[in-house]
């Protein structure tokens, strides 16, 4: 009986470790996708080019955390661009 309890504890700890490892891999993949898209955008790459690569992954079943990160970077970039445009308009009409 005692051996069974120890075995269950080992299995529980192992499963917990596996879940943490899986989460860490997914987070790293998301961050790589975000960093890739952000660096491409900062280099002047066309937004449509990045969107095309994301759509390609969706179409061919390769859509994962990397593409989700790239989409988030694209979304943040567009949001910052919009905020920048609004700020410029406010400065123009302020003077």
N, C-alpha and C. Protein backbone atom coordinates (compact mmCIF):
# COMPACT_ATOMS: atom_id res chain seq x y z
N UNK A 1 0.83 -1.20 0.00
CA UNK A 1 0.00 0.00 0.00
C UNK A 1 0.87 1.26 0.00
N UNK A 2 1.90 1.25 0.83
CA UNK A 2 2.79 2.42 0.92
C UNK A 2 3.49 2.67 -0.43
N UNK A 3 3.88 1.62 -1.09
CA UNK A 3 4.52 1.74 -2.40
C UNK A 3 3.57 2.38 -3.41
N UNK A 4 2.30 2.03 -3.33
CA UNK A 4 1.28 2.60 -4.22
C UNK A 4 1.14 4.10 -3.99
N UNK A 5 1.17 4.54 -2.75
CA UNK A 5 1.06 5.97 -2.41
C UNK A 5 2.28 6.72 -2.96
N UNK A 6 3.46 6.16 -2.76
CA UNK A 6 4.68 6.79 -3.27
C UNK A 6 4.64 6.88 -4.79
N UNK A 7 4.21 5.81 -5.44
CA UNK A 7 4.09 5.80 -6.89
C UNK A 7 3.13 6.90 -7.37
N UNK A 8 2.00 7.05 -6.72
CA UNK A 8 1.03 8.09 -7.09
C UNK A 8 1.62 9.49 -6.91
N UNK A 9 2.40 9.67 -5.86
CA UNK A 9 3.03 10.97 -5.64
C UNK A 9 4.05 11.28 -6.74
N UNK A 10 4.80 10.27 -7.12
CA UNK A 10 5.79 10.45 -8.19
C UNK A 10 5.09 10.79 -9.51
N UNK A 11 4.02 10.08 -9.80
CA UNK A 11 3.25 10.35 -11.03
C UNK A 11 2.68 11.76 -11.00
N UNK A 12 2.16 12.19 -9.85
CA UNK A 12 1.61 13.54 -9.72
C UNK A 12 2.68 14.60 -9.97
N UNK A 13 3.84 14.43 -9.36
CA UNK A 13 4.94 15.40 -9.53
C UNK A 13 5.42 15.41 -10.98
N UNK A 14 5.53 14.25 -11.58
CA UNK A 14 5.95 14.16 -12.98
C UNK A 14 4.96 14.86 -13.90
N UNK A 15 3.66 14.63 -13.70
CA UNK A 15 2.64 15.28 -14.52
C UNK A 15 2.66 16.79 -14.35
N UNK A 16 2.89 17.24 -13.14
CA UNK A 16 2.99 18.68 -12.87
C UNK A 16 4.18 19.27 -13.62
N UNK A 17 5.30 18.56 -13.61
CA UNK A 17 6.50 19.01 -14.32
C UNK A 17 6.23 19.07 -15.82
N UNK A 18 5.55 18.05 -16.35
CA UNK A 18 5.22 18.04 -17.79
C UNK A 18 4.34 19.22 -18.17
N UNK A 19 3.35 19.54 -17.35
CA UNK A 19 2.47 20.67 -17.64
C UNK A 19 3.25 21.98 -17.65
N UNK A 20 4.14 22.15 -16.67
CA UNK A 20 4.96 23.37 -16.63
C UNK A 20 5.87 23.47 -17.86
N UNK A 21 6.43 22.34 -18.23
CA UNK A 21 7.32 22.32 -19.40
C UNK A 21 6.55 22.66 -20.68
N UNK A 22 5.36 22.11 -20.82
CA UNK A 22 4.52 22.39 -21.99
C UNK A 22 4.17 23.87 -22.04
N UNK A 23 3.79 24.43 -20.89
CA UNK A 23 3.45 25.85 -20.82
C UNK A 23 4.67 26.70 -21.20
N UNK A 24 5.83 26.33 -20.69
CA UNK A 24 7.05 27.10 -20.99
C UNK A 24 7.38 27.05 -22.48
N UNK A 25 7.20 25.88 -23.12
CA UNK A 25 7.46 25.77 -24.56
C UNK A 25 6.48 26.63 -25.35
N UNK A 26 5.21 26.62 -24.95
CA UNK A 26 4.20 27.42 -25.66
C UNK A 26 4.50 28.90 -25.50
N UNK A 27 4.88 29.30 -24.29
CA UNK A 27 5.20 30.71 -24.04
C UNK A 27 6.43 31.14 -24.85
N UNK A 28 7.43 30.27 -24.91
CA UNK A 28 8.64 30.59 -25.68
C UNK A 28 8.31 30.71 -27.17
N UNK A 29 7.45 29.84 -27.68
CA UNK A 29 7.05 29.90 -29.09
C UNK A 29 6.29 31.19 -29.37
N UNK A 30 5.37 31.56 -28.48
CA UNK A 30 4.63 32.82 -28.62
C UNK A 30 5.60 34.00 -28.66
N UNK A 31 6.55 34.01 -27.73
CA UNK A 31 7.52 35.11 -27.66
C UNK A 31 8.40 35.18 -28.91
N UNK A 32 8.78 34.01 -29.44
CA UNK A 32 9.57 34.00 -30.69
C UNK A 32 8.76 34.59 -31.85
N UNK A 33 7.49 34.23 -31.93
CA UNK A 33 6.63 34.76 -32.99
C UNK A 33 6.43 36.26 -32.85
N UNK A 34 6.21 36.70 -31.62
CA UNK A 34 6.02 38.13 -31.37
C UNK A 34 7.30 38.89 -31.74
N UNK A 35 8.43 38.38 -31.28
CA UNK A 35 9.71 39.05 -31.56
C UNK A 35 10.01 39.08 -33.05
N UNK A 36 9.75 37.97 -33.72
CA UNK A 36 10.00 37.93 -35.17
C UNK A 36 9.16 38.99 -35.89
N UNK A 37 7.85 39.00 -35.61
CA UNK A 37 6.97 39.95 -36.31
C UNK A 37 7.33 41.39 -35.95
N UNK A 38 7.61 41.64 -34.68
CA UNK A 38 7.96 43.00 -34.27
C UNK A 38 9.24 43.46 -34.95
N UNK A 39 10.22 42.59 -35.03
CA UNK A 39 11.48 42.99 -35.69
C UNK A 39 11.28 43.21 -37.18
N UNK A 40 10.46 42.38 -37.80
CA UNK A 40 10.16 42.59 -39.23
C UNK A 40 9.46 43.92 -39.45
N UNK A 41 8.51 44.24 -38.59
CA UNK A 41 7.78 45.50 -38.72
C UNK A 41 8.71 46.70 -38.50
N UNK A 42 9.60 46.58 -37.53
CA UNK A 42 10.54 47.67 -37.27
C UNK A 42 11.56 47.84 -38.39
N UNK A 43 11.83 46.75 -39.11
CA UNK A 43 12.73 46.84 -40.27
C UNK A 43 12.02 47.45 -41.48
N UNK A 44 10.69 47.60 -41.39
CA UNK A 44 9.95 48.18 -42.49
C UNK A 44 9.23 47.17 -43.35
N UNK A 45 9.16 45.94 -42.91
CA UNK A 45 8.46 44.90 -43.66
C UNK A 45 6.97 45.25 -43.77
N UNK A 46 6.39 44.90 -44.88
CA UNK A 46 4.97 45.16 -45.12
C UNK A 46 4.10 44.31 -44.18
N UNK A 47 3.10 44.94 -43.59
CA UNK A 47 2.17 44.23 -42.70
C UNK A 47 1.49 43.07 -43.42
N UNK A 48 1.17 43.28 -44.68
CA UNK A 48 0.48 42.25 -45.44
C UNK A 48 1.36 41.01 -45.64
N UNK A 49 2.67 41.20 -45.70
CA UNK A 49 3.59 40.08 -45.82
C UNK A 49 3.54 39.19 -44.58
N UNK A 50 3.49 39.81 -43.44
CA UNK A 50 3.41 39.05 -42.19
C UNK A 50 2.05 38.36 -42.09
N UNK A 51 0.99 39.10 -42.43
CA UNK A 51 -0.34 38.49 -42.42
C UNK A 51 -0.41 37.30 -43.37
N UNK A 52 0.23 37.42 -44.51
CA UNK A 52 0.24 36.34 -45.49
C UNK A 52 0.89 35.08 -44.93
N UNK A 53 1.99 35.25 -44.20
CA UNK A 53 2.67 34.11 -43.61
C UNK A 53 1.81 33.45 -42.53
N UNK A 54 1.08 34.27 -41.79
CA UNK A 54 0.18 33.73 -40.76
C UNK A 54 -0.97 32.97 -41.42
N UNK A 55 -1.54 33.54 -42.46
CA UNK A 55 -2.63 32.87 -43.18
C UNK A 55 -2.16 31.57 -43.81
N UNK A 56 -0.95 31.57 -44.33
CA UNK A 56 -0.38 30.36 -44.92
C UNK A 56 -0.31 29.25 -43.87
N UNK A 57 0.13 29.61 -42.67
CA UNK A 57 0.21 28.63 -41.59
C UNK A 57 -1.19 28.12 -41.22
N UNK A 58 -2.16 29.02 -41.21
CA UNK A 58 -3.54 28.60 -40.90
C UNK A 58 -4.06 27.64 -41.97
N UNK A 59 -3.80 27.97 -43.22
CA UNK A 59 -4.30 27.15 -44.32
C UNK A 59 -3.70 25.75 -44.35
N UNK A 60 -2.44 25.64 -43.92
CA UNK A 60 -1.76 24.36 -44.02
C UNK A 60 -1.59 23.66 -42.67
N UNK A 61 -2.33 24.11 -41.67
CA UNK A 61 -2.35 23.42 -40.38
C UNK A 61 -1.12 23.60 -39.52
N UNK A 62 -0.33 24.62 -39.79
CA UNK A 62 0.86 24.88 -38.99
C UNK A 62 0.66 26.04 -38.02
N UNK A 63 -0.57 26.43 -37.80
CA UNK A 63 -0.88 27.57 -36.95
C UNK A 63 -0.70 27.16 -35.49
N UNK A 64 0.20 27.83 -34.80
CA UNK A 64 0.42 27.51 -33.39
C UNK A 64 0.77 28.79 -32.63
N UNK A 65 1.40 28.64 -31.49
CA UNK A 65 1.70 29.78 -30.63
C UNK A 65 2.62 30.80 -31.29
N UNK A 66 3.49 30.35 -32.19
CA UNK A 66 4.36 31.27 -32.91
C UNK A 66 3.51 32.27 -33.71
N UNK A 67 2.54 31.74 -34.45
CA UNK A 67 1.67 32.61 -35.27
C UNK A 67 0.76 33.47 -34.39
N UNK A 68 0.34 32.94 -33.26
CA UNK A 68 -0.48 33.74 -32.34
C UNK A 68 0.34 34.92 -31.84
N UNK A 69 1.62 34.68 -31.52
CA UNK A 69 2.50 35.77 -31.10
C UNK A 69 2.72 36.79 -32.21
N UNK A 70 2.88 36.30 -33.43
CA UNK A 70 3.06 37.22 -34.57
C UNK A 70 1.80 38.06 -34.77
N UNK A 71 0.63 37.44 -34.64
CA UNK A 71 -0.62 38.19 -34.77
C UNK A 71 -0.74 39.26 -33.69
N UNK A 72 -0.33 38.92 -32.48
CA UNK A 72 -0.40 39.88 -31.38
C UNK A 72 0.55 41.05 -31.64
N UNK A 73 1.73 40.77 -32.15
CA UNK A 73 2.67 41.85 -32.48
C UNK A 73 2.09 42.76 -33.56
N UNK A 74 1.45 42.16 -34.55
CA UNK A 74 0.82 42.93 -35.62
C UNK A 74 -0.30 43.80 -35.07
N UNK A 75 -1.09 43.21 -34.18
CA UNK A 75 -2.19 43.96 -33.54
C UNK A 75 -1.64 45.13 -32.71
N UNK A 76 -0.60 44.88 -31.93
CA UNK A 76 0.01 45.94 -31.12
C UNK A 76 0.61 47.02 -31.99
N UNK A 77 1.26 46.63 -33.09
CA UNK A 77 1.85 47.59 -34.01
C UNK A 77 0.78 48.51 -34.59
N UNK A 78 -0.32 47.92 -35.02
CA UNK A 78 -1.41 48.73 -35.59
C UNK A 78 -2.02 49.64 -34.54
N UNK A 79 -2.14 49.15 -33.33
CA UNK A 79 -2.68 49.98 -32.25
C UNK A 79 -1.76 51.16 -31.97
N UNK A 80 -0.46 50.90 -31.91
CA UNK A 80 0.50 51.99 -31.69
C UNK A 80 0.50 52.98 -32.84
N UNK A 81 0.36 52.47 -34.05
CA UNK A 81 0.30 53.34 -35.22
C UNK A 81 -0.93 54.25 -35.14
N UNK A 82 -2.05 53.66 -34.74
CA UNK A 82 -3.29 54.44 -34.60
C UNK A 82 -3.16 55.48 -33.49
N UNK A 83 -2.56 55.09 -32.38
CA UNK A 83 -2.37 56.04 -31.28
C UNK A 83 -1.46 57.18 -31.71
N UNK A 84 -0.44 56.84 -32.47
CA UNK A 84 0.50 57.85 -32.96
C UNK A 84 -0.20 58.81 -33.91
N UNK A 85 -1.05 58.28 -34.78
CA UNK A 85 -1.80 59.13 -35.71
C UNK A 85 -2.75 60.05 -34.96
N UNK A 86 -3.42 59.52 -33.95
CA UNK A 86 -4.34 60.33 -33.15
C UNK A 86 -3.58 61.44 -32.42
N UNK A 87 -2.42 61.10 -31.89
CA UNK A 87 -1.62 62.09 -31.17
C UNK A 87 -1.17 63.20 -32.12
N UNK A 88 -0.76 62.82 -33.33
CA UNK A 88 -0.34 63.81 -34.31
C UNK A 88 -1.50 64.72 -34.69
N UNK A 89 -2.68 64.14 -34.88
CA UNK A 89 -3.87 64.95 -35.22
C UNK A 89 -4.21 65.90 -34.08
N UNK A 90 -4.13 65.40 -32.86
CA UNK A 90 -4.41 66.28 -31.71
C UNK A 90 -3.45 67.44 -31.64
N UNK A 91 -2.17 67.19 -31.93
CA UNK A 91 -1.17 68.25 -31.91
C UNK A 91 -1.42 69.26 -33.02
N UNK A 92 -1.87 68.79 -34.18
CA UNK A 92 -2.16 69.69 -35.30
C UNK A 92 -3.31 70.62 -34.97
N UNK A 93 -4.37 70.07 -34.43
CA UNK A 93 -5.56 70.86 -34.14
C UNK A 93 -5.43 71.67 -32.86
N UNK A 94 -4.46 71.35 -32.05
CA UNK A 94 -4.24 72.07 -30.80
C UNK A 94 -3.64 73.45 -31.07
N UNK A 95 -2.83 73.52 -32.11
CA UNK A 95 -2.11 74.78 -32.40
C UNK A 95 -2.84 75.59 -33.39
